[in-house]
Protein backbone atom coordinates (compact mmCIF):
# COMPACT_ATOMS: atom_id res chain seq x y z
CA MET A 1 191.36 37.06 122.27
CA CYS A 2 194.68 35.61 121.15
CA GLY A 3 194.66 31.95 120.23
CA MET A 4 197.57 29.59 120.64
CA THR A 5 198.40 26.18 119.22
CA ASP A 6 199.16 23.20 121.44
CA GLU A 7 202.74 23.37 120.11
CA GLY A 8 203.02 27.01 121.13
CA GLN A 9 201.65 26.31 124.58
CA SER A 10 204.08 23.42 124.97
CA ALA A 11 207.03 25.62 123.98
CA ALA A 12 205.98 28.33 126.46
CA ARG A 13 205.65 25.78 129.24
CA GLN A 14 209.03 24.24 128.40
CA ASN A 15 210.75 27.63 128.32
CA GLY A 16 209.22 28.53 131.66
CA ALA A 17 210.07 25.16 133.18
CA ALA A 18 213.70 25.50 132.09
CA SER A 19 213.90 28.98 133.60
CA ILE A 20 212.33 27.83 136.87
CA ALA A 21 214.59 24.78 137.01
CA ALA A 22 217.68 26.95 136.55
CA ALA A 23 216.56 29.26 139.35
CA ALA A 24 215.76 26.32 141.57
CA GLU A 25 219.23 24.77 141.48
CA SER A 26 219.93 26.28 144.89
CA ARG A 27 216.29 26.23 145.99
CA ARG A 28 214.32 23.21 147.14
CA ILE A 29 211.21 22.16 145.25
CA THR A 30 208.11 21.74 147.45
CA PHE A 31 205.62 20.40 144.90
CA ASP A 32 206.45 18.37 141.82
CA VAL A 33 203.28 18.10 139.74
CA GLN A 34 203.44 15.80 136.73
CA HIS A 35 200.66 15.15 134.19
CA LEU A 36 197.87 16.06 136.60
CA HIS A 37 194.32 15.54 135.32
CA VAL A 38 191.27 16.23 137.51
CA TRP A 39 187.64 15.34 136.86
CA PHE A 40 184.41 15.98 138.72
CA GLY A 41 182.15 13.29 137.41
CA ALA A 42 182.37 13.36 133.61
CA HIS A 43 183.64 16.97 133.56
CA GLN A 44 187.39 17.35 133.19
CA VAL A 45 188.56 20.49 135.01
CA LEU A 46 192.36 20.17 134.70
CA THR A 47 194.30 18.65 131.82
CA ASP A 48 197.93 17.52 131.89
CA ILE A 49 199.32 20.04 134.38
CA CYS A 50 203.11 19.83 134.85
CA LEU A 51 205.05 22.26 137.05
CA GLN A 52 207.39 22.46 140.01
CA ILE A 53 206.67 24.88 142.85
CA PRO A 54 209.81 26.21 144.61
CA SER A 55 210.13 26.27 148.40
CA GLN A 56 210.03 29.39 150.56
CA ALA A 57 208.61 31.48 147.76
CA VAL A 58 205.22 32.82 146.72
CA THR A 59 203.73 31.24 143.61
CA ALA A 60 200.66 32.98 142.18
CA ILE A 61 198.06 31.12 140.12
CA ILE A 62 196.25 33.45 137.72
CA GLY A 63 193.66 33.05 134.97
CA PRO A 64 190.03 33.87 134.19
CA SER A 65 187.14 32.46 136.21
CA GLY A 66 186.48 28.79 135.60
CA CYS A 67 189.97 27.97 134.36
CA GLY A 68 190.73 25.49 137.18
CA LYS A 69 192.81 27.65 139.54
CA SER A 70 190.99 26.70 142.75
CA THR A 71 190.75 23.06 141.71
CA PHE A 72 194.51 22.99 141.22
CA LEU A 73 195.03 24.56 144.64
CA ARG A 74 192.81 21.97 146.31
CA ALA A 75 194.56 19.15 144.46
CA LEU A 76 197.75 20.15 146.30
CA ASN A 77 196.28 19.12 149.66
CA ARG A 78 193.58 16.69 148.52
CA MET A 79 190.80 18.95 149.71
CA HIS A 80 188.97 18.34 146.45
CA ASP A 81 188.62 14.67 147.52
CA LEU A 82 185.67 15.83 149.58
CA ALA A 83 183.69 16.74 146.45
CA PRO A 84 181.39 14.01 145.04
CA GLY A 85 182.71 12.41 141.86
CA ALA A 86 186.23 13.82 142.14
CA ARG A 87 188.89 11.81 140.33
CA VAL A 88 192.61 12.41 139.78
CA GLN A 89 195.20 11.02 137.42
CA GLY A 90 198.89 11.90 137.54
CA ARG A 91 201.41 12.64 140.27
CA VAL A 92 201.51 15.33 142.93
CA ALA A 93 204.58 14.98 145.13
CA LEU A 94 205.17 16.97 148.31
CA PHE A 95 208.96 16.87 148.42
CA ASP A 96 209.41 13.14 147.69
CA LEU A 97 206.02 11.95 148.96
CA ASP A 98 203.40 11.04 146.33
CA LEU A 99 200.25 12.53 147.86
CA TYR A 100 197.98 10.25 145.84
CA SER A 101 199.59 6.96 146.78
CA ALA A 102 197.06 4.43 148.03
CA ASP A 103 198.67 4.29 151.48
CA ILE A 104 198.63 8.05 152.10
CA ASP A 105 196.05 9.42 154.56
CA ALA A 106 194.48 12.56 153.07
CA THR A 107 193.92 13.97 156.58
CA LEU A 108 197.66 13.88 157.24
CA VAL A 109 198.27 15.62 153.92
CA ARG A 110 196.00 18.48 154.99
CA ARG A 111 197.92 18.86 158.22
CA ARG A 112 201.12 19.39 156.25
CA VAL A 113 199.49 21.63 153.63
CA GLY A 114 197.21 24.29 155.13
CA LEU A 115 194.48 26.06 153.16
CA VAL A 116 193.00 29.53 153.68
CA PHE A 117 189.74 30.12 151.84
CA GLN A 118 188.52 33.13 149.88
CA LYS A 119 185.96 34.10 152.50
CA SER A 120 187.11 34.21 156.11
CA ASN A 121 185.45 31.37 157.97
CA PRO A 122 186.15 31.55 161.70
CA PHE A 123 184.17 29.06 163.74
CA PRO A 124 181.19 31.23 164.76
CA THR A 125 180.55 29.72 168.19
CA MET A 126 184.19 29.92 169.30
CA SER A 127 186.33 32.66 170.77
CA VAL A 128 189.43 34.07 169.10
CA ALA A 129 191.65 31.76 171.17
CA GLU A 130 189.48 28.70 170.59
CA ASN A 131 189.56 29.28 166.84
CA VAL A 132 193.35 29.29 166.76
CA THR A 133 193.76 26.19 168.91
CA ALA A 134 190.88 24.17 167.44
CA GLY A 135 193.11 22.14 165.15
CA LEU A 136 195.55 21.38 167.95
CA ARG A 137 192.76 20.18 170.21
CA LEU A 138 191.36 18.06 167.41
CA ASN A 139 194.79 16.45 167.11
CA GLY A 140 194.82 15.62 170.80
CA VAL A 141 196.86 18.48 172.28
CA ARG A 142 195.57 19.17 175.79
CA ASN A 143 198.55 20.72 177.58
CA LYS A 144 197.47 24.26 178.48
CA SER A 145 200.97 25.72 178.35
CA VAL A 146 201.54 24.26 174.87
CA LEU A 147 198.19 25.61 173.68
CA GLN A 148 198.91 29.06 175.11
CA GLU A 149 202.40 29.14 173.61
CA ARG A 150 201.14 28.13 170.16
CA LEU A 151 198.26 30.62 170.43
CA GLU A 152 200.54 33.60 170.98
CA LYS A 153 203.16 32.38 168.50
CA THR A 154 200.74 31.95 165.62
CA LEU A 155 198.81 35.15 166.31
CA ARG A 156 202.14 36.97 166.22
CA MET A 157 203.04 35.23 162.96
CA ALA A 158 199.68 36.38 161.56
CA ALA A 159 200.42 39.97 162.69
CA LEU A 160 197.32 39.88 164.88
CA TRP A 161 198.55 39.45 168.45
CA ASP A 162 198.79 43.14 169.35
CA GLU A 163 195.27 43.74 168.03
CA VAL A 164 193.54 40.89 169.88
CA LYS A 165 195.67 40.04 172.93
CA ASP A 166 193.06 41.69 175.17
CA ARG A 167 190.14 40.07 173.29
CA LEU A 168 191.19 36.43 173.20
CA HIS A 169 187.95 35.28 174.81
CA ALA A 170 185.69 37.42 172.62
CA ASN A 171 183.69 35.78 169.87
CA ALA A 172 185.73 35.55 166.68
CA LEU A 173 182.93 37.19 164.69
CA SER A 174 183.45 40.40 166.68
CA LEU A 175 186.66 40.99 164.71
CA SER A 176 186.77 43.01 161.50
CA GLY A 177 186.81 41.23 158.16
CA GLY A 178 190.56 41.66 157.74
CA GLN A 179 191.20 40.50 161.28
CA GLN A 180 189.01 37.44 160.73
CA GLN A 181 191.02 36.50 157.66
CA ARG A 182 194.29 36.84 159.58
CA LEU A 183 192.71 34.76 162.36
CA CYS A 184 192.02 32.02 159.81
CA ILE A 185 195.65 32.23 158.69
CA ALA A 186 196.74 31.90 162.33
CA ARG A 187 194.46 28.87 162.71
CA ALA A 188 196.09 27.27 159.67
CA LEU A 189 199.57 28.02 161.01
CA ALA A 190 198.83 26.65 164.48
CA ILE A 191 199.15 23.02 163.36
CA GLU A 192 202.57 23.87 161.89
CA PRO A 193 202.09 23.04 158.20
CA GLU A 194 204.94 23.08 155.73
CA VAL A 195 202.93 24.83 153.03
CA LEU A 196 200.21 27.46 153.05
CA LEU A 197 197.69 27.56 150.21
CA MET A 198 195.54 30.69 149.82
CA ASP A 199 192.46 30.95 147.61
CA GLU A 200 191.95 34.68 146.92
CA PRO A 201 192.48 35.56 150.59
CA ALA A 202 192.01 39.30 150.11
CA SER A 203 189.26 39.43 147.46
CA ALA A 204 186.56 40.45 149.97
CA LEU A 205 188.71 42.94 151.89
CA ASP A 206 189.17 46.70 151.71
CA PRO A 207 192.52 48.12 150.47
CA LEU A 208 193.92 48.62 153.97
CA ALA A 209 193.13 45.06 155.07
CA THR A 210 194.43 43.76 151.73
CA ALA A 211 197.74 45.55 152.29
CA LYS A 212 198.08 43.89 155.70
CA ILE A 213 197.43 40.45 154.20
CA GLU A 214 200.03 41.10 151.50
CA GLU A 215 202.60 42.25 154.06
CA LEU A 216 201.87 39.11 156.05
CA ILE A 217 202.37 36.87 152.99
CA LEU A 218 205.75 38.45 152.28
CA GLU A 219 206.79 37.83 155.87
CA LEU A 220 205.50 34.25 155.97
CA LYS A 221 207.36 33.19 152.83
CA LYS A 222 210.57 33.35 154.88
CA LYS A 223 209.36 30.16 156.59
CA PHE A 224 206.73 28.66 154.32
CA THR A 225 206.06 27.81 150.72
CA ILE A 226 202.98 29.82 149.71
CA VAL A 227 200.71 29.21 146.73
CA ILE A 228 198.06 31.85 146.17
CA VAL A 229 195.16 32.03 143.71
CA THR A 230 194.35 35.62 142.76
CA HIS A 231 192.31 37.49 140.16
CA ASN A 232 194.23 40.66 140.98
CA MET A 233 197.08 41.10 138.51
CA GLN A 234 198.61 43.91 140.55
CA GLN A 235 198.58 41.75 143.64
CA ALA A 236 200.27 38.87 141.82
CA SER A 237 202.99 41.21 140.53
CA ARG A 238 203.51 42.73 143.99
CA ILE A 239 203.84 39.65 146.15
CA SER A 240 204.73 36.61 144.06
CA ASP A 241 208.10 35.27 142.98
CA PHE A 242 206.64 32.93 140.34
CA THR A 243 203.38 32.98 138.41
CA ALA A 244 201.42 30.26 136.61
CA PHE A 245 198.81 31.26 134.04
CA PHE A 246 195.94 28.80 133.61
CA TYR A 247 193.36 28.89 130.82
CA LEU A 248 190.54 26.42 130.13
CA GLY A 249 191.98 23.88 132.54
CA LYS A 250 195.48 23.94 131.08
CA LEU A 251 198.74 25.49 132.18
CA VAL A 252 199.72 27.98 129.49
CA GLU A 253 202.85 29.44 131.08
CA PHE A 254 204.85 29.23 134.32
CA GLU A 255 207.61 31.77 134.85
CA HIS A 256 209.29 34.19 137.18
CA THR A 257 206.64 36.79 137.90
CA LYS A 258 208.59 39.75 136.53
CA LYS A 259 209.30 37.98 133.25
CA LEU A 260 205.75 36.67 132.86
CA PHE A 261 204.29 40.14 133.28
CA THR A 262 206.86 42.04 131.20
CA ASN A 263 207.97 39.54 128.56
CA PRO A 264 205.67 36.49 128.45
CA ALA A 265 206.51 33.67 126.07
CA SER A 266 202.88 33.05 125.16
CA PRO A 267 200.71 35.53 123.24
CA GLN A 268 197.77 34.19 125.25
CA THR A 269 199.50 35.13 128.50
CA GLU A 270 200.26 38.60 127.15
CA ALA A 271 196.64 39.07 126.15
CA TYR A 272 195.47 38.16 129.66
CA VAL A 273 197.95 40.17 131.73
CA THR A 274 197.39 43.26 129.56
CA GLY A 275 193.62 43.00 130.03
CA ARG A 276 192.59 42.09 126.48
CA PHE A 277 190.47 39.25 127.87
CA GLY A 278 189.54 37.69 131.19
């Protein structure tokens, strides 16, 4: 496995940051992450993460198991707050809003930043329609026409409407695995977030269902900022505009996806994307 000095990692990060910043001159930045550290109890999971995530693009987070990818994703919508002993230092700004300010309600953050988990998790006692509108109902929406409109809109956005329009009252678990995952994406979209986070959304799916999820992601990025954690290097290269490589809780390199995979600045990144470790 290739080693790398702290100075080398810093240079790779700076080169990537400069490249991203140049590309982002005409593109809005959704997340500005500065000197982020995350602990669970005494265990530090993330160390000094600094990067800016561009809007209306797909950013892939890659790295070996245990490197902090999912923790970083959850730090973007404060989902990790729910874990006992979680502690954060640094700044995570959604546009100009510091998500960790004392006066910010974490529940409101999660409404603006949706999260789709690795394993599809439809509510098992609810129908397809009830799953999609659950978040709206929880937020006090009771108007039937509004609920119906949002139901169809988000199922269409999730490329699922034509497959389930005659099964809206069937139990959500009657859907296939790929359909359940797209249902969970529709549920996340129903509350109209500004960002969609995805934690390995296709890792448990067959190739056909995976292809549908990837097509959906490419369509959704026209309206949303998407950040996806993936172990699949081919998937990252296919669907992402930018890629961040994490290792041992640190950001090694953040670059345009094509450059990171074909001409990485860091030897450690090259070793990972070419399969020499991980």
